Amino acid sequence: MARDYGRSRKQHPKQYLPLVSDKSMLQEIILRLNGLDNFIDPIIVCNIEHRFLLKQVDQ
């Protein structure tokens, strides 16, 4: 996957950035899964340095 050098940084990977809408790529994925009945709540594994970013995505 190509790195978005303009915005993506080690502390702010592109998965947490709003690149194609007002939501991050991770938020878009979570929203797509929300309407499906056959799935349990997702378990998201991230780097410890990104735990606060992930908390922001959850809000």
PDB file of N, CA and C in Angstrom:
ATOM      1  N   MET A   1       0.847  -1.170   0.000  1.00  0.00           N
ATOM      2  CA  MET A   1       0.000   0.000   0.000  1.00  0.00           C
ATOM      3  C   MET A   1       0.897   1.239   0.000  1.00  0.00           C
ATOM      4  N   ALA A   2       0.623   2.172  -0.823  1.00  0.00           N
ATOM      5  CA  ALA A   2       1.438   3.386  -0.926  1.00  0.00           C
ATOM      6  C   ALA A   2       1.202   4.272   0.289  1.00  0.00           C
ATOM      7  N   ARG A   3       2.240   4.895   0.733  1.00  0.00           N
ATOM      8  CA  ARG A   3       2.141   5.797   1.877  1.00  0.00           C
ATOM      9  C   ARG A   3       1.719   7.181   1.393  1.00  0.00           C
ATOM     10  N   ASP A   4       0.782   7.774   2.060  1.00  0.00           N
ATOM     11  CA  ASP A   4       0.343   9.130   1.746  1.00  0.00           C
ATOM     12  C   ASP A   4       1.284  10.099   2.467  1.00  0.00           C
ATOM     13  N   TYR A   5       2.387  10.449   1.799  1.00  0.00           N
ATOM     14  CA  TYR A   5       3.423  11.252   2.435  1.00  0.00           C
ATOM     15  C   TYR A   5       2.940  12.639   2.821  1.00  0.00           C
ATOM     16  N   GLY A   6       1.908  13.116   2.195  1.00  0.00           N
ATOM     17  CA  GLY A   6       1.423  14.440   2.522  1.00  0.00           C
ATOM     18  C   GLY A   6       0.779  14.536   3.891  1.00  0.00           C
ATOM     19  N   ARG A   7       0.165  13.461   4.360  1.00  0.00           N
ATOM     20  CA  ARG A   7      -0.578  13.522   5.619  1.00  0.00           C
ATOM     21  C   ARG A   7      -0.216  12.415   6.594  1.00  0.00           C
ATOM     22  N   SER A   8       0.082  11.241   6.095  1.00  0.00           N
ATOM     23  CA  SER A   8       0.351  10.090   6.944  1.00  0.00           C
ATOM     24  C   SER A   8       1.709  10.228   7.626  1.00  0.00           C
ATOM     25  N   ARG A   9       1.731   9.932   8.906  1.00  0.00           N
ATOM     26  CA  ARG A   9       2.959   9.962   9.701  1.00  0.00           C
ATOM     27  C   ARG A   9       3.002   8.701  10.560  1.00  0.00           C
ATOM     28  N   LYS A  10       4.160   8.428  11.138  1.00  0.00           N
ATOM     29  CA  LYS A  10       4.297   7.249  11.992  1.00  0.00           C
ATOM     30  C   LYS A  10       3.263   7.289  13.125  1.00  0.00           C
ATOM     31  N   GLN A  11       3.067   8.454  13.715  1.00  0.00           N
ATOM     32  CA  GLN A  11       2.120   8.585  14.822  1.00  0.00           C
ATOM     33  C   GLN A  11       0.670   8.744  14.362  1.00  0.00           C
ATOM     34  N   HIS A  12       0.473   9.023  13.075  1.00  0.00           N
ATOM     35  CA  HIS A  12      -0.877   9.204  12.526  1.00  0.00           C
ATOM     36  C   HIS A  12      -0.984   8.469  11.192  1.00  0.00           C
ATOM     37  N   PRO A  13      -1.077   7.136  11.238  1.00  0.00           N
ATOM     38  CA  PRO A  13      -1.182   6.366   9.993  1.00  0.00           C
ATOM     39  C   PRO A  13      -2.478   6.693   9.243  1.00  0.00           C
ATOM     40  N   LYS A  14      -2.466   6.420   7.967  1.00  0.00           N
ATOM     41  CA  LYS A  14      -3.604   6.809   7.129  1.00  0.00           C
ATOM     42  C   LYS A  14      -4.913   6.126   7.516  1.00  0.00           C
ATOM     43  N   GLN A  15      -4.864   4.997   8.210  1.00  0.00           N
ATOM     44  CA  GLN A  15      -6.095   4.335   8.647  1.00  0.00           C
ATOM     45  C   GLN A  15      -6.908   5.221   9.588  1.00  0.00           C
ATOM     46  N   TYR A  16      -6.244   6.144  10.260  1.00  0.00           N
ATOM     47  CA  TYR A  16      -6.905   7.026  11.219  1.00  0.00           C
ATOM     48  C   TYR A  16      -7.204   8.406  10.640  1.00  0.00           C
ATOM     49  N   LEU A  17      -6.879   8.624   9.393  1.00  0.00           N
ATOM     50  CA  LEU A  17      -7.084   9.929   8.761  1.00  0.00           C
ATOM     51  C   LEU A  17      -8.313   9.926   7.856  1.00  0.00           C
ATOM     52  N   PRO A  18      -9.024  11.033   7.786  1.00  0.00           N
ATOM     53  CA  PRO A  18     -10.147  11.145   6.848  1.00  0.00           C
ATOM     54  C   PRO A  18      -9.615  11.467   5.448  1.00  0.00           C
ATOM     55  N   LEU A  19      -9.426  10.456   4.630  1.00  0.00           N
ATOM     56  CA  LEU A  19      -8.823  10.653   3.313  1.00  0.00           C
ATOM     57  C   LEU A  19      -9.844  10.842   2.197  1.00  0.00           C
ATOM     58  N   VAL A  20     -10.940  10.109   2.214  1.00  0.00           N
ATOM     59  CA  VAL A  20     -11.909  10.189   1.115  1.00  0.00           C
ATOM     60  C   VAL A  20     -13.270  10.718   1.552  1.00  0.00           C
ATOM     61  N   SER A  21     -13.455  10.929   2.852  1.00  0.00           N
ATOM     62  CA  SER A  21     -14.691  11.516   3.369  1.00  0.00           C
ATOM     63  C   SER A  21     -14.348  12.233   4.670  1.00  0.00           C
ATOM     64  N   ASP A  22     -15.355  12.608   5.443  1.00  0.00           N
ATOM     65  CA  ASP A  22     -15.085  13.259   6.719  1.00  0.00           C
ATOM     66  C   ASP A  22     -14.779  12.258   7.819  1.00  0.00           C
ATOM     67  N   LYS A  23     -14.816  10.966   7.485  1.00  0.00           N
ATOM     68  CA  LYS A  23     -14.514   9.904   8.440  1.00  0.00           C
ATOM     69  C   LYS A  23     -13.204   9.213   8.054  1.00  0.00           C
ATOM     70  N   SER A  24     -12.538   8.637   9.058  1.00  0.00           N
ATOM     71  CA  SER A  24     -11.307   7.905   8.780  1.00  0.00           C
ATOM     72  C   SER A  24     -11.638   6.590   8.071  1.00  0.00           C
ATOM     73  N   MET A  25     -10.621   5.993   7.486  1.00  0.00           N
ATOM     74  CA  MET A  25     -10.825   4.704   6.814  1.00  0.00           C
ATOM     75  C   MET A  25     -11.332   3.665   7.818  1.00  0.00           C
ATOM     76  N   LEU A  26     -10.816   3.690   9.033  1.00  0.00           N
ATOM     77  CA  LEU A  26     -11.253   2.743  10.057  1.00  0.00           C
ATOM     78  C   LEU A  26     -12.716   2.976  10.430  1.00  0.00           C
ATOM     79  N   GLN A  27     -13.121   4.234  10.566  1.00  0.00           N
ATOM     80  CA  GLN A  27     -14.523   4.547  10.861  1.00  0.00           C
ATOM     81  C   GLN A  27     -15.436   4.064   9.738  1.00  0.00           C
ATOM     82  N   GLU A  28     -15.015   4.228   8.489  1.00  0.00           N
ATOM     83  CA  GLU A  28     -15.811   3.772   7.347  1.00  0.00           C
ATOM     84  C   GLU A  28     -16.030   2.250   7.404  1.00  0.00           C
ATOM     85  N   ILE A  29     -14.980   1.513   7.745  1.00  0.00           N
ATOM     86  CA  ILE A  29     -15.092   0.054   7.846  1.00  0.00           C
ATOM     87  C   ILE A  29     -16.061  -0.326   8.961  1.00  0.00           C
ATOM     88  N   ILE A  30     -15.933   0.317  10.117  1.00  0.00           N
ATOM     89  CA  ILE A  30     -16.815   0.015  11.245  1.00  0.00           C
ATOM     90  C   ILE A  30     -18.262   0.304  10.884  1.00  0.00           C
ATOM     91  N   LEU A  31     -18.504   1.406  10.197  1.00  0.00           N
ATOM     92  CA  LEU A  31     -19.876   1.740   9.779  1.00  0.00           C
ATOM     93  C   LEU A  31     -20.438   0.714   8.803  1.00  0.00           C
ATOM     94  N   ARG A  32     -19.592   0.210   7.885  1.00  0.00           N
ATOM     95  CA  ARG A  32     -20.063  -0.815   6.945  1.00  0.00           C
ATOM     96  C   ARG A  32     -20.432  -2.106   7.670  1.00  0.00           C
ATOM     97  N   LEU A  33     -19.699  -2.444   8.723  1.00  0.00           N
ATOM     98  CA  LEU A  33     -19.972  -3.671   9.469  1.00  0.00           C
ATOM     99  C   LEU A  33     -21.172  -3.531  10.397  1.00  0.00           C
ATOM    100  N   ASN A  34     -21.495  -2.311  10.790  1.00  0.00           N
ATOM    101  CA  ASN A  34     -22.578  -2.056  11.742  1.00  0.00           C
ATOM    102  C   ASN A  34     -23.911  -2.657  11.321  1.00  0.00           C
ATOM    103  N   GLY A  35     -24.241  -2.617  10.070  1.00  0.00           N
ATOM    104  CA  GLY A  35     -25.538  -3.096   9.614  1.00  0.00           C
ATOM    105  C   GLY A  35     -25.634  -4.597   9.420  1.00  0.00           C
ATOM    106  N   LEU A  36     -24.556  -5.321   9.608  1.00  0.00           N
ATOM    107  CA  LEU A  36     -24.550  -6.763   9.393  1.00  0.00           C
ATOM    108  C   LEU A  36     -24.879  -7.498  10.685  1.00  0.00           C
ATOM    109  N   ASP A  37     -25.794  -8.460  10.597  1.00  0.00           N
ATOM    110  CA  ASP A  37     -26.259  -9.173  11.785  1.00  0.00           C
ATOM    111  C   ASP A  37     -25.383 -10.365  12.155  1.00  0.00           C
ATOM    112  N   ASN A  38     -24.616 -10.894  11.228  1.00  0.00           N
ATOM    113  CA  ASN A  38     -23.894 -12.141  11.457  1.00  0.00           C
ATOM    114  C   ASN A  38     -22.534 -11.952  12.120  1.00  0.00           C
ATOM    115  N   PHE A  39     -22.202 -10.743  12.570  1.00  0.00           N
ATOM    116  CA  PHE A  39     -20.888 -10.474  13.128  1.00  0.00           C
ATOM    117  C   PHE A  39     -20.981 -10.068  14.590  1.00  0.00           C
ATOM    118  N   ILE A  40     -19.980 -10.478  15.364  1.00  0.00           N
ATOM    119  CA  ILE A  40     -19.863  -9.992  16.737  1.00  0.00           C
ATOM    120  C   ILE A  40     -19.100  -8.667  16.695  1.00  0.00           C
ATOM    121  N   ASP A  41     -19.019  -7.991  17.819  1.00  0.00           N
ATOM    122  CA  ASP A  41     -18.265  -6.738  17.863  1.00  0.00           C
ATOM    123  C   ASP A  41     -16.825  -6.988  17.436  1.00  0.00           C
ATOM    124  N   PRO A  42     -16.261  -6.110  16.632  1.00  0.00           N
ATOM    125  CA  PRO A  42     -14.889  -6.322  16.151  1.00  0.00           C
ATOM    126  C   PRO A  42     -13.861  -6.172  17.265  1.00  0.00           C
ATOM    127  N   ILE A  43     -12.771  -6.868  17.113  1.00  0.00           N
ATOM    128  CA  ILE A  43     -11.604  -6.705  17.976  1.00  0.00           C
ATOM    129  C   ILE A  43     -10.549  -6.028  17.128  1.00  0.00           C
ATOM    130  N   ILE A  44     -10.127  -4.857  17.539  1.00  0.00           N
ATOM    131  CA  ILE A  44      -9.167  -4.079  16.769  1.00  0.00           C
ATOM    132  C   ILE A  44      -7.823  -4.119  17.483  1.00  0.00           C
ATOM    133  N   VAL A  45      -6.823  -4.570  16.779  1.00  0.00           N
ATOM    134  CA  VAL A  45      -5.475  -4.662  17.322  1.00  0.00           C
ATOM    135  C   VAL A  45      -4.661  -3.522  16.735  1.00  0.00           C
ATOM    136  N   CYS A  46      -4.015  -2.756  17.605  1.00  0.00           N
ATOM    137  CA  CYS A  46      -3.210  -1.635  17.136  1.00  0.00           C
ATOM    138  C   CYS A  46      -1.932  -1.527  17.948  1.00  0.00           C
ATOM    139  N   ASN A  47      -1.042  -0.710  17.488  1.00  0.00           N
ATOM    140  CA  ASN A  47       0.179  -0.401  18.194  1.00  0.00           C
ATOM    141  C   ASN A  47      -0.180   0.372  19.462  1.00  0.00           C
ATOM    142  N   ILE A  48       0.531   0.135  20.540  1.00  0.00           N
ATOM    143  CA  ILE A  48       0.232   0.834  21.801  1.00  0.00           C
ATOM    144  C   ILE A  48       0.292   2.346  21.631  1.00  0.00           C
ATOM    145  N   GLU A  49       1.134   2.816  20.731  1.00  0.00           N
ATOM    146  CA  GLU A  49       1.247   4.262  20.491  1.00  0.00           C
ATOM    147  C   GLU A  49      -0.001   4.836  19.825  1.00  0.00           C
ATOM    148  N   HIS A  50      -0.836   3.996  19.249  1.00  0.00           N
ATOM    149  CA  HIS A  50      -2.038   4.458  18.538  1.00  0.00           C
ATOM    150  C   HIS A  50      -3.309   4.277  19.361  1.00  0.00           C
ATOM    151  N   ARG A  51      -3.184   3.854  20.607  1.00  0.00           N
ATOM    152  CA  ARG A  51      -4.380   3.562  21.407  1.00  0.00           C
ATOM    153  C   ARG A  51      -5.270   4.791  21.597  1.00  0.00           C
ATOM    154  N   PHE A  52      -4.671   5.981  21.696  1.00  0.00           N
ATOM    155  CA  PHE A  52      -5.485   7.191  21.869  1.00  0.00           C
ATOM    156  C   PHE A  52      -6.179   7.571  20.564  1.00  0.00           C
ATOM    157  N   LEU A  53      -5.537   7.322  19.440  1.00  0.00           N
ATOM    158  CA  LEU A  53      -6.181   7.548  18.143  1.00  0.00           C
ATOM    159  C   LEU A  53      -7.376   6.625  17.987  1.00  0.00           C
ATOM    160  N   LEU A  54      -7.204   5.383  18.396  1.00  0.00           N
ATOM    161  CA  LEU A  54      -8.288   4.410  18.292  1.00  0.00           C
ATOM    162  C   LEU A  54      -9.457   4.816  19.194  1.00  0.00           C
ATOM    163  N   LYS A  55      -9.155   5.347  20.336  1.00  0.00           N
ATOM    164  CA  LYS A  55     -10.209   5.827  21.248  1.00  0.00           C
ATOM    165  C   LYS A  55     -10.998   6.956  20.592  1.00  0.00           C
ATOM    166  N   GLN A  56     -10.340   7.836  19.849  1.00  0.00           N
ATOM    167  CA  GLN A  56     -11.018   8.916  19.137  1.00  0.00           C
ATOM    168  C   GLN A  56     -11.924   8.373  18.043  1.00  0.00           C
ATOM    169  N   VAL A  57     -11.482   7.323  17.376  1.00  0.00           N
ATOM    170  CA  VAL A  57     -12.272   6.709  16.312  1.00  0.00           C
ATOM    171  C   VAL A  57     -13.552   6.110  16.879  1.00  0.00           C
ATOM    172  N   ASP A  58     -13.476   5.593  18.089  1.00  0.00           N
ATOM    173  CA  ASP A  58     -14.612   4.936  18.740  1.00  0.00           C
ATOM    174  C   ASP A  58     -15.704   5.912  19.117  1.00  0.00           C
ATOM    175  N   GLN A  59     -15.393   7.202  19.210  1.00  0.00           N
ATOM    176  CA  GLN A  59     -16.384   8.193  19.645  1.00  0.00           C
ATOM    177  C   GLN A  59     -17.293   8.624  18.538  1.00  0.00           C
TER     178      GLN A  59
END
